[in-house]
PDB file of N, CA and C in Angstrom:
ATOM      1  N   MET A   1      46.068  -4.932  37.793  1.00  0.00           N
ATOM      2  CA  MET A   1      45.355  -4.495  38.575  1.00  0.00           C
ATOM      3  C   MET A   1      44.863  -5.439  39.112  1.00  0.00           C
ATOM      4  N   SER A   2      44.032  -5.340  40.619  1.00  0.00           N
ATOM      5  CA  SER A   2      43.196  -5.942  41.751  1.00  0.00           C
ATOM      6  C   SER A   2      41.783  -5.223  41.814  1.00  0.00           C
ATOM      7  N   PHE A   3      40.552  -6.119  41.371  1.00  0.00           N
ATOM      8  CA  PHE A   3      39.809  -5.626  41.889  1.00  0.00           C
ATOM      9  C   PHE A   3      38.722  -5.897  43.528  1.00  0.00           C
ATOM     10  N   ASP A   4      40.195  -5.784  44.352  1.00  0.00           N
ATOM     11  CA  ASP A   4      39.258  -6.171  45.590  1.00  0.00           C
ATOM     12  C   ASP A   4      39.292  -5.729  46.009  1.00  0.00           C
ATOM     13  N   ASN A   5      39.295  -4.453  45.387  1.00  0.00           N
ATOM     14  CA  ASN A   5      39.680  -2.970  46.305  1.00  0.00           C
ATOM     15  C   ASN A   5      38.160  -1.850  45.798  1.00  0.00           C
ATOM     16  N   ILE A   6      37.765  -2.045  44.734  1.00  0.00           N
ATOM     17  CA  ILE A   6      35.944  -2.026  44.079  1.00  0.00           C
ATOM     18  C   ILE A   6      34.875  -2.985  44.753  1.00  0.00           C
ATOM     19  N   SER A   7      33.808  -2.230  44.867  1.00  0.00           N
ATOM     20  CA  SER A   7      32.347  -2.424  45.472  1.00  0.00           C
ATOM     21  C   SER A   7      31.972  -3.763  44.342  1.00  0.00           C
ATOM     22  N   TYR A   8      30.928  -4.058  44.632  1.00  0.00           N
ATOM     23  CA  TYR A   8      30.445  -4.850  43.597  1.00  0.00           C
ATOM     24  C   TYR A   8      29.547  -3.695  42.701  1.00  0.00           C
ATOM     25  N   SER A   9      29.205  -2.964  43.823  1.00  0.00           N
ATOM     26  CA  SER A   9      27.835  -1.691  42.715  1.00  0.00           C
ATOM     27  C   SER A   9      28.326  -1.740  41.695  1.00  0.00           C
ATOM     28  N   LYS A  10      30.157  -0.990  41.918  1.00  0.00           N
ATOM     29  CA  LYS A  10      30.857  -0.053  41.180  1.00  0.00           C
ATOM     30  C   LYS A  10      31.641  -1.096  39.448  1.00  0.00           C
ATOM     31  N   LEU A  11      31.906  -2.447  40.193  1.00  0.00           N
ATOM     32  CA  LEU A  11      31.927  -3.472  39.160  1.00  0.00           C
ATOM     33  C   LEU A  11      31.045  -3.716  38.374  1.00  0.00           C
ATOM     34  N   ALA A  12      30.056  -3.766  39.265  1.00  0.00           N
ATOM     35  CA  ALA A  12      28.048  -4.019  37.787  1.00  0.00           C
ATOM     36  C   ALA A  12      28.257  -2.790  36.801  1.00  0.00           C
ATOM     37  N   ILE A  13      28.337  -2.035  37.086  1.00  0.00           N
ATOM     38  CA  ILE A  13      28.126  -0.467  36.775  1.00  0.00           C
ATOM     39  C   ILE A  13      29.486  -0.839  35.249  1.00  0.00           C
ATOM     40  N   ILE A  14      30.616  -0.894  36.077  1.00  0.00           N
ATOM     41  CA  ILE A  14      31.821  -1.112  34.823  1.00  0.00           C
ATOM     42  C   ILE A  14      31.293  -2.276  33.660  1.00  0.00           C
ATOM     43  N   PHE A  15      31.148  -3.265  34.609  1.00  0.00           N
ATOM     44  CA  PHE A  15      30.790  -4.252  32.820  1.00  0.00           C
ATOM     45  C   PHE A  15      29.427  -4.017  32.333  1.00  0.00           C
ATOM     46  N   ILE A  16      28.226  -3.024  32.911  1.00  0.00           N
ATOM     47  CA  ILE A  16      26.965  -2.836  32.143  1.00  0.00           C
ATOM     48  C   ILE A  16      27.707  -1.667  30.941  1.00  0.00           C
ATOM     49  N   ILE A  17      28.353  -0.900  31.802  1.00  0.00           N
ATOM     50  CA  ILE A  17      29.076   0.088  30.501  1.00  0.00           C
ATOM     51  C   ILE A  17      29.737  -0.422  29.530  1.00  0.00           C
ATOM     52  N   ALA A  18      31.255  -1.399  29.958  1.00  0.00           N
ATOM     53  CA  ALA A  18      31.114  -2.565  29.242  1.00  0.00           C
ATOM     54  C   ALA A  18      30.678  -2.920  27.899  1.00  0.00           C
ATOM     55  N   GLY A  19      29.227  -3.595  28.182  1.00  0.00           N
ATOM     56  CA  GLY A  19      28.206  -4.093  26.993  1.00  0.00           C
ATOM     57  C   GLY A  19      27.710  -3.226  26.514  1.00  0.00           C
ATOM     58  N   VAL A  20      27.485  -2.543  26.840  1.00  0.00           N
ATOM     59  CA  VAL A  20      26.933  -1.282  25.771  1.00  0.00           C
ATOM     60  C   VAL A  20      27.989  -0.999  25.030  1.00  0.00           C
ATOM     61  N   ILE A  21      29.240  -0.623  25.224  1.00  0.00           N
ATOM     62  CA  ILE A  21      29.949  -0.152  24.323  1.00  0.00           C
ATOM     63  C   ILE A  21      29.861  -1.734  23.748  1.00  0.00           C
ATOM     64  N   LEU A  22      30.167  -2.550  23.674  1.00  0.00           N
ATOM     65  CA  LEU A  22      30.642  -3.651  23.530  1.00  0.00           C
ATOM     66  C   LEU A  22      29.219  -3.760  22.543  1.00  0.00           C
ATOM     67  N   VAL A  23      27.987  -3.688  22.072  1.00  0.00           N
ATOM     68  CA  VAL A  23      27.100  -3.713  21.700  1.00  0.00           C
ATOM     69  C   VAL A  23      26.391  -2.680  20.259  1.00  0.00           C
ATOM     70  N   MET A  24      27.651  -1.492  20.703  1.00  0.00           N
ATOM     71  CA  MET A  24      27.231  -0.776  19.995  1.00  0.00           C
ATOM     72  C   MET A  24      27.992  -0.847  18.721  1.00  0.00           C
ATOM     73  N   ALA A  25      29.392  -1.158  19.604  1.00  0.00           N
ATOM     74  CA  ALA A  25      30.472  -1.696  18.611  1.00  0.00           C
ATOM     75  C   ALA A  25      30.158  -2.619  17.253  1.00  0.00           C
ATOM     76  N   ILE A  26      28.880  -3.752  17.927  1.00  0.00           N
ATOM     77  CA  ILE A  26      29.057  -5.035  16.854  1.00  0.00           C
ATOM     78  C   ILE A  26      28.076  -4.062  15.862  1.00  0.00           C
ATOM     79  N   LEU A  27      26.812  -3.504  16.746  1.00  0.00           N
ATOM     80  CA  LEU A  27      25.966  -3.125  15.571  1.00  0.00           C
ATOM     81  C   LEU A  27      26.245  -2.090  14.417  1.00  0.00           C
ATOM     82  N   GLY A  28      27.901  -1.010  15.390  1.00  0.00           N
ATOM     83  CA  GLY A  28      27.773  -0.327  14.164  1.00  0.00           C
ATOM     84  C   GLY A  28      27.109   0.727  13.966  1.00  0.00           C
ATOM     85  N   SER A  29      27.020   0.630  12.581  1.00  0.00           N
ATOM     86  CA  SER A  29      25.832   1.629  11.996  1.00  0.00           C
ATOM     87  C   SER A  29      24.951   0.792  11.712  1.00  0.00           C
ATOM     88  N   SER A  30      24.302   0.122  11.560  1.00  0.00           N
ATOM     89  CA  SER A  30      23.000   0.414  11.866  1.00  0.00           C
ATOM     90  C   SER A  30      22.195   0.318  13.587  1.00  0.00           C
ATOM     91  N   ALA A  31      22.734   0.633  14.534  1.00  0.00           N
ATOM     92  CA  ALA A  31      22.324   1.027  15.172  1.00  0.00           C
ATOM     93  C   ALA A  31      22.112   1.953  14.744  1.00  0.00           C
ATOM     94  N   THR A  32      22.442   3.198  14.146  1.00  0.00           N
ATOM     95  CA  THR A  32      22.277   4.780  13.671  1.00  0.00           C
ATOM     96  C   THR A  32      21.245   5.278  12.694  1.00  0.00           C
ATOM     97  N   SER A  33      21.275   3.903  12.115  1.00  0.00           N
ATOM     98  CA  SER A  33      20.149   3.926  11.096  1.00  0.00           C
ATOM     99  C   SER A  33      18.466   3.411  11.578  1.00  0.00           C
ATOM    100  N   LEU A  34      19.235   2.738  13.057  1.00  0.00           N
ATOM    101  CA  LEU A  34      17.458   2.004  14.178  1.00  0.00           C
ATOM    102  C   LEU A  34      16.992   3.902  13.869  1.00  0.00           C
ATOM    103  N   LEU A  35      17.533   4.637  14.402  1.00  0.00           N
ATOM    104  CA  LEU A  35      17.372   5.937  15.227  1.00  0.00           C
ATOM    105  C   LEU A  35      16.941   6.854  13.980  1.00  0.00           C
ATOM    106  N   SER A  36      17.303   6.628  12.970  1.00  0.00           N
ATOM    107  CA  SER A  36      17.210   7.745  11.619  1.00  0.00           C
ATOM    108  C   SER A  36      16.588   8.399  11.323  1.00  0.00           C
ATOM    109  N   ASP A  37      15.857   9.210  10.506  1.00  0.00           N
ATOM    110  CA  ASP A  37      13.982   9.459  10.209  1.00  0.00           C
ATOM    111  C   ASP A  37      13.485   8.273   8.805  1.00  0.00           C
ATOM    112  N   SER A  38      12.391   8.523   9.000  1.00  0.00           N
ATOM    113  CA  SER A  38      11.975   7.700   8.167  1.00  0.00           C
ATOM    114  C   SER A  38      11.919   8.269   6.935  1.00  0.00           C
ATOM    115  N   ILE A  39      11.795   7.586   6.094  1.00  0.00           N
ATOM    116  CA  ILE A  39      11.959   8.136   4.020  1.00  0.00           C
ATOM    117  C   ILE A  39      10.361   8.268   4.015  1.00  0.00           C
ATOM    118  N   THR A  40       9.741   8.931   3.281  1.00  0.00           N
ATOM    119  CA  THR A  40       8.860   8.911   2.318  1.00  0.00           C
ATOM    120  C   THR A  40       8.082   8.573   0.905  1.00  0.00           C
ATOM    121  N   GLU A  41       8.364   7.853  -0.163  1.00  0.00           N
ATOM    122  CA  GLU A  41       8.507   8.124  -1.310  1.00  0.00           C
ATOM    123  C   GLU A  41       7.764   7.247  -2.518  1.00  0.00           C
ATOM    124  N   GLU A  42       7.574   7.389  -3.944  1.00  0.00           N
ATOM    125  CA  GLU A  42       6.842   6.376  -4.444  1.00  0.00           C
ATOM    126  C   GLU A  42       7.620   4.938  -4.910  1.00  0.00           C
ATOM    127  N   ALA A  43       6.719   4.523  -4.810  1.00  0.00           N
ATOM    128  CA  ALA A  43       7.626   2.565  -5.263  1.00  0.00           C
ATOM    129  C   ALA A  43       6.682   2.501  -6.130  1.00  0.00           C
ATOM    130  N   ALA A  44       6.753   1.411  -7.175  1.00  0.00           N
ATOM    131  CA  ALA A  44       5.500   0.744  -8.268  1.00  0.00           C
ATOM    132  C   ALA A  44       5.834  -0.893  -7.378  1.00  0.00           C
ATOM    133  N   VAL A  45       4.758  -1.293  -7.822  1.00  0.00           N
ATOM    134  CA  VAL A  45       5.148  -2.857  -6.963  1.00  0.00           C
ATOM    135  C   VAL A  45       5.328  -3.268  -8.517  1.00  0.00           C
ATOM    136  N   LYS A  46       6.039  -4.121  -7.845  1.00  0.00           N
ATOM    137  CA  LYS A  46       7.026  -4.830  -8.611  1.00  0.00           C
ATOM    138  C   LYS A  46       6.606  -6.341  -9.496  1.00  0.00           C
ATOM    139  N   MET A  47       6.051  -7.189  -7.910  1.00  0.00           N
ATOM    140  CA  MET A  47       5.853  -8.355  -7.803  1.00  0.00           C
ATOM    141  C   MET A  47       4.699  -8.472  -7.121  1.00  0.00           C
ATOM    142  N   LYS A  48       3.895  -9.848  -7.549  1.00  0.00           N
ATOM    143  CA  LYS A  48       3.216 -10.064  -6.606  1.00  0.00           C
ATOM    144  C   LYS A  48       2.946 -11.484  -6.396  1.00  0.00           C
ATOM    145  N   GLN A  49       2.538 -12.340  -5.223  1.00  0.00           N
ATOM    146  CA  GLN A  49       3.019 -13.152  -4.940  1.00  0.00           C
ATOM    147  C   GLN A  49       2.732 -13.782  -3.805  1.00  0.00           C
ATOM    148  N   GLU A  50       1.719 -15.441  -3.800  1.00  0.00           N
ATOM    149  CA  GLU A  50       0.728 -15.732  -2.438  1.00  0.00           C
ATOM    150  C   GLU A  50       0.218 -14.485  -1.479  1.00  0.00           C
ATOM    151  N   GLY A  51      -0.162 -13.276  -2.388  1.00  0.00           N
ATOM    152  CA  GLY A  51      -1.078 -12.379  -1.265  1.00  0.00           C
ATOM    153  C   GLY A  51       0.458 -11.404  -0.911  1.00  0.00           C
ATOM    154  N   ASN A  52       1.628 -11.485  -1.309  1.00  0.00           N
ATOM    155  CA  ASN A  52       2.525 -10.180  -0.526  1.00  0.00           C
ATOM    156  C   ASN A  52       3.214  -9.772  -1.851  1.00  0.00           C
ATOM    157  N   CYS A  53       3.106  -8.174  -1.985  1.00  0.00           N
ATOM    158  CA  CYS A  53       3.792  -7.465  -2.704  1.00  0.00           C
ATOM    159  C   CYS A  53       5.247  -7.362  -2.820  1.00  0.00           C
ATOM    160  N   ILE A  54       6.148  -6.828  -3.315  1.00  0.00           N
ATOM    161  CA  ILE A  54       7.554  -6.854  -3.572  1.00  0.00           C
ATOM    162  C   ILE A  54       7.797  -5.699  -4.309  1.00  0.00           C
ATOM    163  N   VAL A  55       8.249  -4.230  -3.468  1.00  0.00           N
ATOM    164  CA  VAL A  55       8.219  -3.166  -4.040  1.00  0.00           C
ATOM    165  C   VAL A  55      10.253  -3.051  -3.703  1.00  0.00           C
ATOM    166  N   GLU A  56      10.927  -1.803  -4.590  1.00  0.00           N
ATOM    167  CA  GLU A  56      11.695  -0.833  -4.757  1.00  0.00           C
ATOM    168  C   GLU A  56      11.752   0.008  -4.599  1.00  0.00           C
ATOM    169  N   ALA A  57      11.788   0.424  -4.076  1.00  0.00           N
ATOM    170  CA  ALA A  57      12.174   2.259  -3.407  1.00  0.00           C
ATOM    171  C   ALA A  57      13.935   2.981  -4.091  1.00  0.00           C
ATOM    172  N   LYS A  58      14.219   4.412  -4.663  1.00  0.00           N
ATOM    173  CA  LYS A  58      14.939   4.510  -4.376  1.00  0.00           C
ATOM    174  C   LYS A  58      16.494   3.956  -4.366  1.00  0.00           C
ATOM    175  N   ASP A  59      16.555   3.632  -3.410  1.00  0.00           N
ATOM    176  CA  ASP A  59      17.836   2.588  -2.606  1.00  0.00           C
ATOM    177  C   ASP A  59      18.421   1.648  -2.608  1.00  0.00           C
ATOM    178  N   ARG A  60      17.149   0.944  -3.676  1.00  0.00           N
ATOM    179  CA  ARG A  60      17.132  -0.055  -4.339  1.00  0.00           C
ATOM    180  C   ARG A  60      17.388  -1.313  -3.387  1.00  0.00           C
ATOM    181  N   ILE A  61      16.863  -0.956  -2.381  1.00  0.00           N
ATOM    182  CA  ILE A  61      16.811  -2.508  -1.286  1.00  0.00           C
ATOM    183  C   ILE A  61      15.439  -2.893  -1.873  1.00  0.00           C
ATOM    184  N   PRO A  62      14.862  -4.110  -2.284  1.00  0.00           N
ATOM    185  CA  PRO A  62      13.467  -4.935  -1.795  1.00  0.00           C
ATOM    186  C   PRO A  62      12.954  -5.057  -0.929  1.00  0.00           C
ATOM    187  N   ARG A  63      11.369  -4.278  -0.813  1.00  0.00           N
ATOM    188  CA  ARG A  63      10.910  -4.304   0.345  1.00  0.00           C
ATOM    189  C   ARG A  63       9.517  -5.408   0.111  1.00  0.00           C
ATOM    190  N   MET A  64       8.803  -6.067   1.117  1.00  0.00           N
ATOM    191  CA  MET A  64       7.975  -7.144   0.760  1.00  0.00           C
ATOM    192  C   MET A  64       6.334  -5.746   2.141  1.00  0.00           C
ATOM    193  N   ILE A  65       5.495  -5.845   1.165  1.00  0.00           N
ATOM    194  CA  ILE A  65       3.886  -6.029   2.143  1.00  0.00           C
ATOM    195  C   ILE A  65       2.905  -6.817   1.758  1.00  0.00           C
ATOM    196  N   SER A  66       3.086  -7.750   2.943  1.00  0.00           N
ATOM    197  CA  SER A  66       2.763  -8.410   3.661  1.00  0.00           C
ATOM    198  C   SER A  66       1.226  -8.656   3.097  1.00  0.00           C
ATOM    199  N   ASP A  67       0.078  -9.119   3.178  1.00  0.00           N
ATOM    200  CA  ASP A  67      -1.751  -8.804   2.875  1.00  0.00           C
ATOM    201  C   ASP A  67      -1.854  -8.214   2.347  1.00  0.00           C
ATOM    202  N   CYS A  68      -1.331  -8.231   0.534  1.00  0.00           N
ATOM    203  CA  CYS A  68      -1.093  -6.856   0.166  1.00  0.00           C
ATOM    204  C   CYS A  68      -2.134  -6.785  -0.965  1.00  0.00           C
ATOM    205  N   SER A  69      -3.191  -5.685  -0.960  1.00  0.00           N
ATOM    206  CA  SER A  69      -4.545  -5.619  -2.109  1.00  0.00           C
ATOM    207  C   SER A  69      -4.096  -4.838  -3.300  1.00  0.00           C
ATOM    208  N   TYR A  70      -2.236  -4.354  -3.438  1.00  0.00           N
ATOM    209  CA  TYR A  70      -2.253  -3.957  -4.517  1.00  0.00           C
ATOM    210  C   TYR A  70      -2.406  -4.900  -6.090  1.00  0.00           C
ATOM    211  N   ASN A  71      -1.938  -4.441  -6.526  1.00  0.00           N
ATOM    212  CA  ASN A  71      -1.597  -5.202  -8.497  1.00  0.00           C
ATOM    213  C   ASN A  71      -0.308  -4.814  -9.348  1.00  0.00           C
ATOM    214  N   VAL A  72       0.333  -5.711  -9.443  1.00  0.00           N
ATOM    215  CA  VAL A  72       1.101  -5.750 -10.084  1.00  0.00           C
ATOM    216  C   VAL A  72       1.577  -4.031 -11.394  1.00  0.00           C
ATOM    217  N   ASN A  73       2.231  -2.919 -10.783  1.00  0.00           N
ATOM    218  CA  ASN A  73       2.782  -1.692 -11.896  1.00  0.00           C
ATOM    219  C   ASN A  73       1.509  -0.640 -10.933  1.00  0.00           C
ATOM    220  N   ASP A  74       1.094  -0.890  -9.854  1.00  0.00           N
ATOM    221  CA  ASP A  74       0.590  -0.053  -9.385  1.00  0.00           C
ATOM    222  C   ASP A  74       1.487   1.259  -8.731  1.00  0.00           C
ATOM    223  N   THR A  75       1.766   2.306  -8.223  1.00  0.00           N
ATOM    224  CA  THR A  75       2.415   3.268  -7.208  1.00  0.00           C
ATOM    225  C   THR A  75       1.720   3.362  -5.993  1.00  0.00           C
ATOM    226  N   VAL A  76       2.582   2.464  -5.137  1.00  0.00           N
ATOM    227  CA  VAL A  76       2.472   2.840  -3.621  1.00  0.00           C
ATOM    228  C   VAL A  76       2.663   4.231  -3.366  1.00  0.00           C
ATOM    229  N   LEU A  77       2.670   4.899  -2.312  1.00  0.00           N
ATOM    230  CA  LEU A  77       3.247   5.404  -1.138  1.00  0.00           C
ATOM    231  C   LEU A  77       3.631   4.652   0.092  1.00  0.00           C
ATOM    232  N   ILE A  78       5.228   4.493   0.041  1.00  0.00           N
ATOM    233  CA  ILE A  78       5.804   3.755   1.185  1.00  0.00           C
ATOM    234  C   ILE A  78       6.622   4.263   2.186  1.00  0.00           C
ATOM    235  N   THR A  79       6.755   4.062   3.322  1.00  0.00           N
ATOM    236  CA  THR A  79       7.565   4.769   4.677  1.00  0.00           C
ATOM    237  C   THR A  79       8.321   3.865   4.935  1.00  0.00           C
ATOM    238  N   TYR A  80      10.196   4.124   4.817  1.00  0.00           N
ATOM    239  CA  TYR A  80      11.017   3.015   5.651  1.00  0.00           C
ATOM    240  C   TYR A  80      11.643   3.763   5.917  1.00  0.00           C
ATOM    241  N   LYS A  81      13.035   3.470   6.202  1.00  0.00           N
ATOM    242  CA  LYS A  81      13.676   3.709   7.409  1.00  0.00           C
ATOM    243  C   LYS A  81      15.451   3.297   6.311  1.00  0.00           C
ATOM    244  N   ALA A  82      15.734   4.375   6.010  1.00  0.00           N
ATOM    245  CA  ALA A  82      17.057   4.300   5.041  1.00  0.00           C
ATOM    246  C   ALA A  82      17.620   2.707   5.876  1.00  0.00           C
ATOM    247  N   LYS A  83      18.345   1.665   4.855  1.00  0.00           N
ATOM    248  CA  LYS A  83      19.123   0.824   5.329  1.00  0.00           C
ATOM    249  C   LYS A  83      18.154  -0.171   5.601  1.00  0.00           C
ATOM    250  N   GLN A  84      16.953  -0.163   5.760  1.00  0.00           N
ATOM    251  CA  GLN A  84      15.960  -1.297   6.636  1.00  0.00           C
ATOM    252  C   GLN A  84      14.663  -2.012   5.375  1.00  0.00           C
ATOM    253  N   PRO A  85      15.159  -3.040   5.716  1.00  0.00           N
ATOM    254  CA  PRO A  85      14.138  -3.914   4.722  1.00  0.00           C
ATOM    255  C   PRO A  85      12.039  -3.357   4.871  1.00  0.00           C
ATOM    256  N   ALA A  86      12.040  -3.157   6.428  1.00  0.00           N
ATOM    257  CA  ALA A  86      10.587  -3.284   6.921  1.00  0.00           C
ATOM    258  C   ALA A  86       9.932  -2.001   6.335  1.00  0.00           C
ATOM    259  N   ILE A  87       8.657  -1.890   6.040  1.00  0.00           N
ATOM    260  CA  ILE A  87       8.039  -0.979   5.612  1.00  0.00           C
ATOM    261  C   ILE A  87       7.133  -0.182   6.777  1.00  0.00           C
ATOM    262  N   GLU A  88       7.610   0.536   7.122  1.00  0.00           N
ATOM    263  CA  GLU A  88       6.117   1.296   8.483  1.00  0.00           C
ATOM    264  C   GLU A  88       5.013   1.365   8.057  1.00  0.00           C
ATOM    265  N   LYS A  89       4.732   2.323   6.853  1.00  0.00           N
ATOM    266  CA  LYS A  89       3.203   1.914   6.074  1.00  0.00           C
ATOM    267  C   LYS A  89       3.248   2.270   4.736  1.00  0.00           C
ATOM    268  N   HIS A  90       2.024   2.276   3.855  1.00  0.00           N
ATOM    269  CA  HIS A  90       2.001   2.290   2.836  1.00  0.00           C
ATOM    270  C   HIS A  90       0.259   2.589   2.386  1.00  0.00           C
ATOM    271  N   GLN A  91       0.794   3.278   1.539  1.00  0.00           N
ATOM    272  CA  GLN A  91      -1.205   3.338   0.819  1.00  0.00           C
ATOM    273  C   GLN A  91      -0.978   3.858  -0.769  1.00  0.00           C
ATOM    274  N   LEU A  92      -1.814   3.173  -1.457  1.00  0.00           N
ATOM    275  CA  LEU A  92      -1.971   3.698  -3.006  1.00  0.00           C
ATOM    276  C   LEU A  92      -2.116   4.755  -2.953  1.00  0.00           C
ATOM    277  N   LYS A  93      -1.211   4.999  -4.409  1.00  0.00           N
ATOM    278  CA  LYS A  93      -1.249   6.682  -4.040  1.00  0.00           C
ATOM    279  C   LYS A  93      -2.568   6.806  -5.326  1.00  0.00           C
TER     280      LYS A  93
END
């Protein structure tokens, strides 16, 4: 296959599309979980250390709340995305 007859703009578009496909293949399911809906549920504060609290949602992934004002065993409402460790928002129940 020869690229002599293809203009630079068409060649650039081909490489950009191939790059996007490659990135999506590498990310796999994590790309779809980034676009998934947020989940809000109750979680108990399991640990508190140096101002950070650790809570565990129903999916069993420990999540950290920075600069936490809650106490151990407090029940908080957390909002997060499935399979992601970050908490979008939290509040005392």
